[in-house]
Protein backbone atom coordinates (compact mmCIF):
# COMPACT_ATOMS: atom_id res chain seq x y z
CA MET A 1 -44.09 -115.34 -183.93
CA VAL A 2 -47.49 -115.63 -182.70
CA LEU A 3 -48.52 -119.87 -182.02
CA PHE A 4 -51.91 -120.93 -181.90
CA GLY A 5 -53.45 -124.42 -181.30
CA ASP A 6 -53.91 -126.47 -178.27
CA ASP A 7 -51.25 -128.49 -176.47
CA THR A 8 -48.60 -127.74 -178.91
CA SER A 9 -46.01 -129.84 -177.09
CA PRO A 10 -43.13 -127.76 -177.43
CA THR A 11 -39.84 -129.81 -177.89
CA GLY A 12 -37.41 -127.19 -176.48
CA ASP A 13 -35.99 -125.54 -179.80
CA GLY A 14 -39.31 -123.78 -181.06
CA ALA A 15 -40.72 -127.19 -182.84
CA VAL A 16 -44.01 -128.57 -182.12
CA SER A 17 -45.09 -132.26 -181.96
CA ALA A 18 -48.24 -134.34 -181.62
CA THR A 19 -50.61 -135.32 -179.08
CA ASP A 20 -50.80 -138.99 -178.12
CA THR A 21 -53.57 -139.80 -180.30
CA LEU A 22 -55.37 -138.63 -183.37
CA ASP A 23 -58.35 -136.35 -183.21
CA PRO A 24 -61.21 -139.00 -183.09
CA GLN A 25 -63.49 -137.28 -185.79
CA ALA A 26 -59.89 -137.22 -187.93
CA GLN A 27 -59.32 -140.69 -187.17
CA ALA A 28 -63.04 -141.86 -188.06
CA VAL A 29 -61.98 -140.26 -191.67
CA VAL A 30 -58.89 -142.02 -191.88
CA ASP A 31 -60.41 -145.27 -190.83
CA ASP A 32 -63.01 -145.07 -194.05
CA VAL A 33 -60.30 -144.31 -196.32
CA GLU A 34 -58.16 -147.12 -195.05
CA ARG A 35 -61.30 -149.40 -195.44
CA LEU A 36 -60.91 -148.55 -199.36
CA GLY A 37 -57.70 -150.42 -199.39
CA ILE A 38 -55.43 -147.77 -201.32
CA PRO A 39 -51.98 -148.02 -201.30
CA GLU A 40 -49.65 -145.21 -200.40
CA TRP A 41 -49.59 -142.67 -202.98
CA SER A 42 -45.99 -143.40 -203.81
CA ALA A 43 -46.92 -147.00 -204.66
CA LEU A 44 -50.07 -146.55 -207.26
CA GLY A 45 -47.89 -144.89 -209.90
CA VAL A 46 -48.70 -141.59 -210.87
CA GLU A 47 -51.86 -142.09 -213.28
CA SER A 48 -53.54 -144.17 -210.99
CA ALA A 49 -52.46 -142.16 -207.85
CA ARG A 50 -53.71 -139.02 -209.72
CA ARG A 51 -57.23 -140.85 -210.39
CA VAL A 52 -57.61 -141.90 -206.81
CA GLU A 53 -56.42 -138.18 -205.25
CA ASP A 54 -59.65 -137.00 -207.14
CA GLU A 55 -61.87 -139.23 -205.85
CA VAL A 56 -60.83 -139.37 -202.20
CA PHE A 57 -60.80 -135.22 -202.11
CA ALA A 58 -63.68 -134.71 -204.42
CA ALA A 59 -65.81 -131.80 -202.96
CA THR A 60 -68.84 -132.81 -200.26
CA ASP A 61 -71.05 -130.37 -198.58
CA ALA A 62 -69.44 -127.31 -200.15
CA PRO A 63 -70.88 -124.01 -200.41
CA ASP A 64 -72.28 -122.45 -203.49
CA VAL A 65 -70.29 -119.63 -204.62
CA ALA A 66 -72.11 -116.68 -206.13
CA ARG A 67 -69.80 -116.97 -209.33
CA ILE A 68 -67.27 -119.29 -210.27
CA THR A 69 -65.55 -119.08 -213.74
CA ASN A 70 -63.30 -121.37 -215.49
CA PHE A 71 -60.60 -119.89 -218.60
CA ALA A 72 -57.09 -120.26 -219.34
CA ILE A 73 -54.32 -117.85 -219.58
CA PRO A 74 -50.92 -118.02 -221.73
CA GLY A 75 -48.46 -119.04 -220.08
CA PRO A 76 -44.61 -120.42 -220.42
CA ALA A 77 -45.27 -123.50 -222.36
CA GLY A 78 -49.05 -123.60 -223.32
CA GLU A 79 -52.30 -122.51 -221.43
CA ILE A 80 -52.74 -122.39 -217.60
CA PRO A 81 -56.27 -123.46 -216.52
CA LEU A 82 -57.59 -121.17 -213.92
CA ARG A 83 -60.86 -121.43 -211.77
CA ILE A 84 -62.14 -118.14 -210.16
CA TYR A 85 -64.37 -118.11 -207.48
CA HIS A 86 -65.80 -114.37 -206.55
CA PRO A 87 -68.45 -114.56 -203.65
CA ALA A 88 -69.81 -111.29 -204.24
CA PRO A 89 -69.73 -110.35 -208.28
CA GLY A 90 -70.08 -106.44 -208.65
CA GLU A 91 -67.66 -105.66 -205.61
CA THR A 92 -63.90 -105.56 -205.60
CA ARG A 93 -62.36 -108.00 -203.17
CA PRO A 94 -59.17 -108.80 -202.33
CA ALA A 95 -57.51 -111.54 -204.19
CA LEU A 96 -55.84 -114.77 -203.24
CA VAL A 97 -53.90 -116.93 -205.82
CA PHE A 98 -54.04 -120.57 -204.48
CA PHE A 99 -51.97 -123.74 -205.91
CA HIS A 100 -53.30 -127.25 -204.78
CA GLY A 101 -51.42 -129.80 -203.41
CA GLY A 102 -50.83 -133.52 -204.71
CA LEU A 103 -47.05 -134.07 -204.01
CA TRP A 104 -46.14 -131.87 -207.44
CA ALA A 105 -47.84 -135.00 -209.05
CA MET A 106 -51.55 -135.11 -208.55
CA GLY A 107 -54.49 -132.46 -207.91
CA THR A 108 -56.53 -130.81 -210.05
CA LEU A 109 -58.83 -127.67 -209.79
CA ASP A 110 -61.67 -130.26 -208.96
CA SER A 111 -59.70 -131.89 -206.05
CA ILE A 112 -58.99 -128.67 -204.25
CA ASP A 113 -62.63 -127.09 -205.39
CA GLY A 114 -64.08 -127.96 -201.67
CA VAL A 115 -61.30 -126.22 -200.27
CA CYS A 116 -61.23 -123.07 -202.39
CA ARG A 117 -65.05 -122.94 -201.91
CA ARG A 118 -65.02 -122.95 -198.29
CA LEU A 119 -62.05 -120.35 -198.32
CA ALA A 120 -63.68 -117.91 -200.67
CA THR A 121 -67.14 -117.67 -199.02
CA ARG A 122 -65.53 -117.56 -195.41
CA SER A 123 -62.76 -115.07 -196.41
CA GLY A 124 -64.82 -113.05 -198.87
CA ARG A 125 -61.61 -113.08 -201.36
CA VAL A 126 -61.66 -113.56 -204.87
CA LEU A 127 -59.84 -116.66 -205.15
CA VAL A 128 -57.88 -118.09 -208.16
CA SER A 129 -57.48 -121.37 -208.17
CA VAL A 130 -54.28 -122.48 -210.62
CA ASP A 131 -53.89 -125.83 -212.26
CA TYR A 132 -50.02 -125.65 -212.61
CA ARG A 133 -48.04 -128.20 -214.80
CA LEU A 134 -47.41 -131.40 -212.66
CA ALA A 135 -44.16 -133.80 -212.46
CA PRO A 136 -42.92 -136.15 -213.32
CA GLU A 137 -43.73 -135.04 -217.25
CA HIS A 138 -43.14 -131.32 -216.09
CA SER A 139 -40.24 -131.42 -213.60
CA PHE A 140 -39.28 -128.55 -211.47
CA PRO A 141 -39.34 -125.52 -212.03
CA ALA A 142 -42.54 -125.88 -214.69
CA GLY A 143 -45.12 -125.95 -212.22
CA LEU A 144 -43.39 -122.95 -210.02
CA GLU A 145 -43.10 -120.81 -213.44
CA ASP A 146 -46.77 -121.37 -213.89
CA CYS A 147 -47.65 -120.32 -210.48
CA VAL A 148 -45.52 -117.12 -210.72
CA ARG A 149 -46.90 -116.25 -214.12
CA ALA A 150 -50.65 -116.85 -212.79
CA THR A 151 -49.66 -114.40 -209.81
CA LYS A 152 -48.44 -111.93 -212.31
CA TRP A 153 -51.74 -111.98 -214.43
CA VAL A 154 -53.97 -111.99 -211.70
CA ALA A 155 -51.92 -108.45 -210.54
CA ASP A 156 -52.12 -107.45 -213.79
CA ASN A 157 -55.81 -108.13 -214.63
CA ALA A 158 -57.39 -108.00 -211.34
CA ALA A 159 -60.35 -105.40 -211.92
CA SER A 160 -61.22 -107.58 -214.93
CA ILE A 161 -62.34 -110.66 -212.19
CA GLY A 162 -63.27 -108.43 -209.50
CA GLY A 163 -59.98 -108.30 -207.43
CA ASP A 164 -57.99 -105.60 -205.65
CA ALA A 165 -54.57 -105.75 -207.18
CA ASP A 166 -53.56 -103.72 -204.19
CA ARG A 167 -54.50 -106.62 -201.92
CA LEU A 168 -52.94 -110.03 -203.28
CA ALA A 169 -52.15 -113.19 -201.12
CA VAL A 170 -50.77 -116.28 -202.17
CA GLY A 171 -51.45 -119.36 -200.98
CA GLY A 172 -51.65 -123.39 -201.03
CA THR A 173 -51.56 -126.58 -199.52
CA SER A 174 -48.76 -129.27 -199.02
CA ALA A 175 -46.64 -129.00 -202.37
CA GLY A 176 -48.92 -125.84 -203.41
CA GLY A 177 -47.70 -124.16 -199.95
CA ASN A 178 -44.15 -124.90 -201.62
CA LEU A 179 -45.15 -123.46 -204.50
CA ALA A 180 -46.73 -120.28 -202.78
CA ALA A 181 -43.29 -119.89 -200.56
CA ALA A 182 -41.33 -120.03 -203.75
CA THR A 183 -43.57 -117.26 -205.61
CA CYS A 184 -42.67 -115.23 -203.00
CA LEU A 185 -39.26 -115.79 -202.94
CA HIS A 186 -39.20 -115.37 -206.80
CA VAL A 187 -40.87 -112.05 -206.92
CA ARG A 188 -38.77 -110.91 -204.20
CA GLU A 189 -35.61 -112.01 -206.37
CA PHE A 190 -36.89 -110.94 -209.78
CA GLY A 191 -39.50 -108.53 -209.40
CA GLY A 192 -43.24 -108.77 -209.78
CA PRO A 193 -46.34 -107.73 -208.22
CA THR A 194 -46.62 -106.50 -204.15
CA ILE A 195 -47.80 -109.74 -202.42
CA GLU A 196 -49.97 -108.92 -199.24
CA SER A 197 -49.07 -112.23 -197.71
CA GLN A 198 -48.70 -116.07 -198.07
CA LEU A 199 -50.39 -118.53 -196.73
CA LEU A 200 -48.51 -122.09 -196.25
CA LEU A 201 -51.03 -124.79 -195.24
CA TYR A 202 -48.91 -127.83 -194.04
CA PRO A 203 -46.32 -126.71 -196.72
CA MET A 204 -43.13 -128.86 -198.07
CA THR A 205 -40.50 -126.27 -197.71
CA ASP A 206 -37.06 -128.81 -197.83
CA LEU A 207 -36.07 -131.47 -199.67
CA SER A 208 -34.29 -133.13 -196.71
CA SER A 209 -35.18 -136.70 -195.17
CA ASP A 210 -33.97 -135.53 -191.95
CA HIS A 211 -36.61 -133.87 -190.19
CA GLN A 212 -37.83 -135.66 -187.04
CA SER A 213 -41.43 -135.50 -188.23
CA LEU A 214 -40.58 -137.60 -191.05
CA SER A 215 -39.92 -140.69 -188.93
CA GLU A 216 -42.40 -140.06 -185.88
CA ASN A 217 -45.15 -140.20 -188.85
CA ALA A 218 -43.49 -142.19 -191.39
CA ASP A 219 -46.66 -144.45 -191.59
CA GLY A 220 -49.25 -141.55 -192.00
CA PRO A 221 -52.23 -141.40 -191.74
CA LEU A 222 -52.60 -139.81 -195.19
CA LEU A 223 -49.46 -139.42 -196.05
CA THR A 224 -46.05 -141.35 -195.32
CA ARG A 225 -42.52 -140.76 -195.73
CA ARG A 226 -42.16 -143.26 -198.42
CA ASP A 227 -44.57 -140.53 -200.28
CA VAL A 228 -42.50 -137.49 -199.38
CA LEU A 229 -39.49 -139.06 -200.65
CA TRP A 230 -41.31 -140.25 -203.64
CA ALA A 231 -42.53 -136.95 -204.44
CA HIS A 232 -38.77 -135.51 -204.06
CA GLU A 233 -37.63 -137.79 -206.78
CA THR A 234 -40.40 -137.47 -209.08
CA TYR A 235 -40.02 -133.55 -208.86
CA LEU A 236 -36.80 -132.43 -209.23
CA ARG A 237 -34.55 -132.93 -212.35
CA SER A 238 -31.54 -133.97 -210.49
CA PRO A 239 -30.36 -134.08 -207.08
CA VAL A 240 -28.34 -130.55 -207.31
CA ASP A 241 -32.15 -129.20 -207.41
CA ARG A 242 -32.27 -130.57 -203.38
CA HIS A 243 -30.29 -127.22 -202.64
CA ASN A 244 -32.15 -124.69 -205.19
CA PRO A 245 -34.35 -122.60 -202.52
CA PHE A 246 -36.89 -122.14 -205.29
CA ALA A 247 -37.57 -126.06 -204.78
CA ALA A 248 -36.87 -126.10 -201.00
CA PRO A 249 -37.71 -122.23 -199.68
CA LEU A 250 -36.34 -123.06 -196.58
CA ARG A 251 -32.75 -123.45 -198.18
CA ALA A 252 -32.92 -119.67 -198.96
CA ASP A 253 -29.53 -117.87 -197.96
CA SER A 254 -32.11 -115.10 -196.48
CA HIS A 255 -35.97 -115.17 -195.97
CA ALA A 256 -35.78 -111.15 -195.12
CA ASP A 257 -38.03 -108.97 -197.10
CA LEU A 258 -40.71 -111.71 -197.68
CA PRO A 259 -44.63 -110.93 -197.64
CA PRO A 260 -46.23 -111.70 -194.05
CA GLY A 261 -46.74 -115.69 -193.43
CA TYR A 262 -49.84 -117.77 -192.03
CA VAL A 263 -47.98 -121.31 -191.54
CA VAL A 264 -50.39 -124.09 -190.51
CA THR A 265 -49.01 -127.42 -189.54
CA ALA A 266 -50.48 -130.50 -187.87
CA GLY A 267 -48.99 -132.62 -185.41
CA PHE A 268 -49.53 -136.31 -187.22
CA ASP A 269 -48.15 -134.89 -190.90
CA PRO A 270 -44.61 -136.05 -191.96
CA LEU A 271 -44.32 -132.14 -193.25
CA ARG A 272 -44.87 -130.70 -189.75
CA ASP A 273 -41.45 -130.18 -188.68
CA GLU A 274 -40.44 -128.44 -192.18
CA GLY A 275 -43.45 -126.16 -191.76
CA THR A 276 -42.31 -125.50 -188.63
CA ALA A 277 -39.02 -124.53 -189.60
CA TYR A 278 -40.22 -122.20 -192.38
CA ALA A 279 -42.15 -120.33 -189.68
CA THR A 280 -38.86 -119.89 -187.75
CA ALA A 281 -36.88 -118.90 -190.73
CA LEU A 282 -39.69 -116.21 -191.52
CA GLU A 283 -39.67 -114.99 -188.27
CA SER A 284 -35.81 -115.00 -187.49
CA ALA A 285 -35.83 -113.06 -190.53
CA GLY A 286 -38.05 -110.22 -189.30
CA VAL A 287 -40.97 -111.28 -190.96
CA ASP A 288 -44.45 -111.18 -189.28
CA VAL A 289 -45.69 -114.52 -189.22
CA VAL A 290 -48.32 -116.58 -187.54
CA HIS A 291 -48.03 -120.26 -186.85
CA ASP A 292 -51.19 -122.16 -186.22
CA HIS A 293 -50.29 -125.76 -184.91
CA TYR A 294 -53.18 -128.37 -184.92
CA PRO A 295 -50.99 -131.25 -182.77
CA ALA A 296 -54.28 -133.85 -183.33
CA MET A 297 -54.69 -133.62 -186.78
CA PRO A 298 -53.34 -135.30 -189.79
CA HIS A 299 -51.79 -133.85 -193.02
CA GLY A 300 -54.63 -132.72 -195.50
CA PHE A 301 -57.07 -131.86 -192.84
CA LEU A 302 -58.56 -128.61 -194.10
CA SER A 303 -60.00 -131.07 -196.81
CA LEU A 304 -62.24 -132.72 -193.88
CA THR A 305 -64.01 -129.68 -192.61
CA ALA A 306 -67.18 -131.58 -193.39
CA SER A 307 -66.62 -134.13 -190.77
CA VAL A 308 -63.94 -132.79 -188.87
CA ASP A 309 -64.98 -130.04 -186.35
CA VAL A 310 -61.47 -128.82 -185.36
CA ALA A 311 -60.52 -128.71 -189.16
CA ASP A 312 -63.63 -126.59 -189.65
CA ALA A 313 -62.95 -124.06 -186.72
CA ALA A 314 -58.90 -124.06 -188.37
CA LEU A 315 -60.38 -122.82 -191.79
CA ASP A 316 -62.48 -120.05 -189.73
CA SER A 317 -59.18 -119.04 -188.41
CA VAL A 318 -57.27 -119.12 -191.88
CA SER A 319 -60.33 -117.37 -193.45
CA ASP A 320 -60.33 -114.90 -190.70
CA ALA A 321 -56.71 -113.80 -191.03
CA LEU A 322 -57.48 -113.35 -194.83
CA LYS A 323 -60.12 -110.83 -194.05
CA ASP A 324 -58.02 -109.22 -191.46
CA GLY A 325 -54.93 -109.06 -193.03
CA ILE A 326 -52.00 -111.27 -191.81
């Protein structure tokens, strides 16, 4: 496993931790958000949380993309909206199927639009953003079913959107990182397209409350322990699902024969340790993996590239990996 990032502060068991203080530019963004007086996601209620999430993470200073197309494909329970970003229409480019975060209960094509624009323009890939079904209206495995279906659709129809079916990656942020990892497990177990790599950005990989980072970063910033535990309860059908590897990819019996991974973690993120654990699990199973850790960053920091220099550089690193092949 290749580990990047400065001052990773190893804890002795392959884990990583945080710096003493949050990056000053990230702290300024956190201060701005806190001045809005927004309660924790778990205290807002689903509908209010969805509205606030769209407002907070609306794209700012996002680059133009040569072609953006919105349409929908047939899904397991109705249409699945997609947004396709093509940075060079007329050229065939590698593809990235991307799943937004939002604790499985929030997030839209608009809330992740800035990240998608930047990834598409910097990596040169055709990016397909997926608006999967959300909990609690659609509990596990509804969202995963939509993500698997969208990935298969892109593989089967890549030429029609200017994509290369032989260079197909999946990725996502937070809960979307969970869905990307679970999509890879699903394809391995039940068949499907060849996935070139999995891009897991501060992913949710477990449904346990035991990880140290959940305690260290219990009060945030930007994501709290209460939010994470609320997400678990909102997403799952029953407690039995906590042990289902398609809900908690870290719980899979084996992580062998999965696509190479690129895992990004942040020091001030409650999800830090489960992302680290997943990178370690891939490496232990013989899967090529890069673990890129940013000890002074909070959860969701790749949405802060317009204001935070470290986040902007991190997105460059992710994009370069997508260019070169993980």
